[in-house]
Amino acid sequence: MRNKKSKLMLAGFFIACAFAAITLRSAWATPGSGISTTIISGPTALGDVHVKSESDVNQVHLKTKGDSDCYVVLNRIAPGGHTGWHSHPGPSIISVVSGTASEYRDDDPNATVYPAGNAFVDEGGDHAHIIVNEGDTELVLVAFQILPDGAPRRIDKPAP
């Protein structure tokens, strides 16, 4: 009887620890500040794609396999605002429409700066990043995302 009670107590302890870990991870997440996000399109279904385009000035190769969800997302970030630390389960192509985007990654303490008229790619995966508006005008970004079918579009992460 005593052994059974000890096992129940131990099981309860492990369950409590699991809930505490989940709660702390959520508490450590860094929500965005001064940002508004509008999903323009998505999720829209995309099947297998194999596109190859070449010209005198560039080459593009796009290949997908399996089912994907595509999104077009508009983000507006006020001066001093940010996206919060997060990741995506697939790649995003981000166009800087106006303002200047400073992207920080969890594997590099230095920002990469993208002024209006430029685009950059987030390859997706486990790395975390944050986009900060360090300027004095609104930062406007449009992102095109290709994500695994049914996956969350964004995964909040704790600050590194």
Protein backbone atom coordinates (compact mmCIF):
# COMPACT_ATOMS: atom_id res chain seq x y z
CA MET A 1 0.00 0.00 0.00
CA ARG A 2 2.80 2.39 0.92
CA ASN A 3 4.65 1.64 -2.36
CA LYS A 4 1.49 2.41 -4.38
CA LYS A 5 1.04 5.71 -2.54
CA SER A 6 4.67 6.66 -3.22
CA LYS A 7 4.25 5.93 -6.93
CA LEU A 8 1.10 8.07 -7.09
CA MET A 9 2.89 10.93 -5.33
CA LEU A 10 5.86 10.62 -7.67
CA ALA A 11 3.57 10.59 -10.72
CA GLY A 12 1.78 13.68 -9.39
CA PHE A 13 5.11 15.42 -8.87
CA PHE A 14 6.20 14.75 -12.47
CA ILE A 15 2.85 15.96 -13.84
CA ALA A 16 3.12 19.15 -11.77
CA CYS A 17 6.68 19.70 -13.08
CA ALA A 18 5.51 19.25 -16.67
CA PHE A 19 2.74 21.83 -16.21
CA ALA A 20 5.18 24.21 -14.54
CA ALA A 21 7.62 23.88 -17.46
CA ILE A 22 4.86 24.63 -19.98
CA THR A 23 3.68 27.61 -17.94
CA LEU A 24 7.19 29.02 -17.54
CA ARG A 25 7.92 28.62 -21.26
CA SER A 26 4.77 30.62 -22.04
CA ALA A 27 5.69 33.21 -19.41
CA TRP A 28 9.17 33.60 -20.94
CA ALA A 29 7.78 34.14 -24.44
CA THR A 30 8.25 37.68 -25.68
CA PRO A 31 5.05 39.04 -27.19
CA GLY A 32 5.28 41.76 -29.79
CA SER A 33 4.97 45.42 -28.90
CA GLY A 34 3.60 48.20 -31.11
CA ILE A 35 2.78 45.74 -33.89
CA SER A 36 -0.40 45.03 -35.82
CA THR A 37 -0.61 41.94 -38.01
CA THR A 38 -3.13 41.42 -40.82
CA ILE A 39 -3.38 38.11 -42.67
CA ILE A 40 -4.03 39.26 -46.25
CA SER A 41 -4.29 35.72 -47.59
CA GLY A 42 -4.03 32.28 -46.09
CA PRO A 43 -3.80 29.61 -45.37
CA THR A 44 -4.05 28.67 -49.03
CA ALA A 45 -3.11 25.19 -50.23
CA LEU A 46 0.01 24.59 -52.30
CA GLY A 47 1.05 21.21 -53.66
CA ASP A 48 4.31 20.14 -55.28
CA VAL A 49 6.11 22.91 -57.18
CA HIS A 50 9.25 22.81 -59.31
CA VAL A 51 9.98 26.14 -60.96
CA LYS A 52 13.21 27.20 -62.60
CA SER A 53 13.67 30.66 -64.06
CA GLU A 54 16.86 32.13 -65.48
CA SER A 55 17.74 35.47 -67.02
CA ASP A 56 20.89 37.46 -67.67
CA VAL A 57 20.80 38.92 -64.16
CA ASN A 58 19.38 36.20 -61.89
CA GLN A 59 18.35 32.60 -61.40
CA VAL A 60 15.41 31.37 -59.34
CA HIS A 61 14.84 27.77 -58.30
CA LEU A 62 11.78 26.94 -56.20
CA LYS A 63 10.97 23.38 -55.30
CA THR A 64 8.40 22.12 -52.81
CA LYS A 65 7.30 18.57 -52.08
CA GLY A 66 4.17 17.65 -50.20
CA ASP A 67 1.32 19.81 -49.01
CA SER A 68 2.02 23.36 -47.84
CA ASP A 69 0.05 26.32 -46.53
CA CYS A 70 0.86 29.74 -48.00
CA TYR A 71 0.25 33.08 -46.30
CA VAL A 72 0.62 36.72 -47.25
CA VAL A 73 0.98 38.78 -44.07
CA LEU A 74 1.08 42.56 -43.50
CA ASN A 75 2.92 43.74 -40.38
CA ARG A 76 2.94 47.36 -39.22
CA ILE A 77 5.40 48.17 -36.44
CA ALA A 78 5.40 51.53 -34.65
CA PRO A 79 8.70 53.27 -33.83
CA GLY A 80 10.29 51.40 -30.91
CA GLY A 81 8.04 48.39 -31.51
CA HIS A 82 9.01 44.81 -32.32
CA THR A 83 7.64 41.41 -33.34
CA GLY A 84 8.69 39.59 -30.18
CA TRP A 85 11.05 36.63 -30.38
CA HIS A 86 9.57 33.90 -32.57
CA SER A 87 10.24 31.31 -35.25
CA HIS A 88 8.39 29.88 -38.24
CA PRO A 89 8.21 26.24 -39.34
CA GLY A 90 8.97 27.18 -42.96
CA PRO A 91 10.56 29.93 -45.04
CA SER A 92 9.36 33.52 -45.31
CA ILE A 93 10.29 36.17 -47.86
CA ILE A 94 9.88 39.57 -46.20
CA SER A 95 9.62 42.80 -48.20
CA VAL A 96 10.32 46.10 -46.42
CA VAL A 97 7.68 48.46 -47.80
CA SER A 98 8.54 51.47 -45.64
CA GLY A 99 10.78 52.25 -42.68
CA THR A 100 13.83 50.23 -41.70
CA ALA A 101 13.78 46.69 -40.27
CA SER A 102 16.47 45.57 -37.82
CA GLU A 103 16.50 41.78 -37.60
CA TYR A 104 18.17 40.10 -34.62
CA ARG A 105 18.72 36.33 -34.55
CA ASP A 106 19.36 34.14 -31.54
CA ASP A 107 22.69 33.05 -33.04
CA ASP A 108 24.03 36.59 -33.68
CA PRO A 109 23.92 39.56 -31.27
CA ASN A 110 24.29 42.06 -34.15
CA ALA A 111 21.31 43.28 -36.15
CA THR A 112 21.06 43.01 -39.89
CA VAL A 113 19.41 46.19 -41.16
CA TYR A 114 17.04 46.26 -44.14
CA PRO A 115 15.83 49.67 -45.40
CA ALA A 116 12.66 50.18 -47.44
CA GLY A 117 12.89 48.75 -50.94
CA ASN A 118 14.78 45.65 -49.79
CA ALA A 119 13.69 42.12 -49.03
CA PHE A 120 15.17 39.37 -46.92
CA VAL A 121 14.56 35.68 -46.28
CA ASP A 122 13.97 33.87 -43.02
CA GLU A 123 14.65 30.21 -43.74
CA GLY A 124 12.41 29.03 -40.90
CA GLY A 125 13.24 26.23 -38.48
CA ASP A 126 14.20 26.25 -34.82
CA HIS A 127 16.20 29.49 -34.75
CA ALA A 128 14.44 32.48 -33.21
CA HIS A 129 14.44 36.02 -34.52
CA ILE A 130 12.93 39.39 -33.70
CA ILE A 131 12.32 42.33 -36.02
CA VAL A 132 12.65 45.73 -34.36
CA ASN A 133 11.69 49.18 -35.61
CA GLU A 134 14.61 51.28 -34.34
CA GLY A 135 13.61 54.20 -36.58
CA ASP A 136 11.24 57.11 -36.06
CA THR A 137 8.67 56.19 -38.76
CA GLU A 138 6.30 53.25 -39.08
CA LEU A 139 7.88 50.03 -40.37
CA VAL A 140 5.69 48.20 -42.90
CA LEU A 141 6.53 44.63 -43.88
CA VAL A 142 4.82 42.20 -46.25
CA ALA A 143 5.76 38.54 -45.84
CA PHE A 144 5.09 35.55 -48.09
CA GLN A 145 5.32 32.30 -46.15
CA ILE A 146 5.37 28.65 -47.24
CA LEU A 147 4.69 26.42 -44.23
CA PRO A 148 4.00 22.72 -43.69
CA ASP A 149 0.30 21.90 -44.08
CA GLY A 150 -1.52 22.55 -40.80
CA ALA A 151 1.51 23.95 -38.97
CA PRO A 152 1.24 27.10 -36.85
CA ARG A 153 2.25 30.24 -38.73
CA ARG A 154 4.30 31.62 -35.85
CA ILE A 155 5.86 30.03 -32.76
CA ASP A 156 6.59 32.39 -29.85
CA LYS A 157 10.04 31.89 -28.29
CA PRO A 158 11.75 33.14 -25.16
CA ALA A 159 14.39 35.82 -25.57
CA PRO A 160 17.84 34.24 -25.95
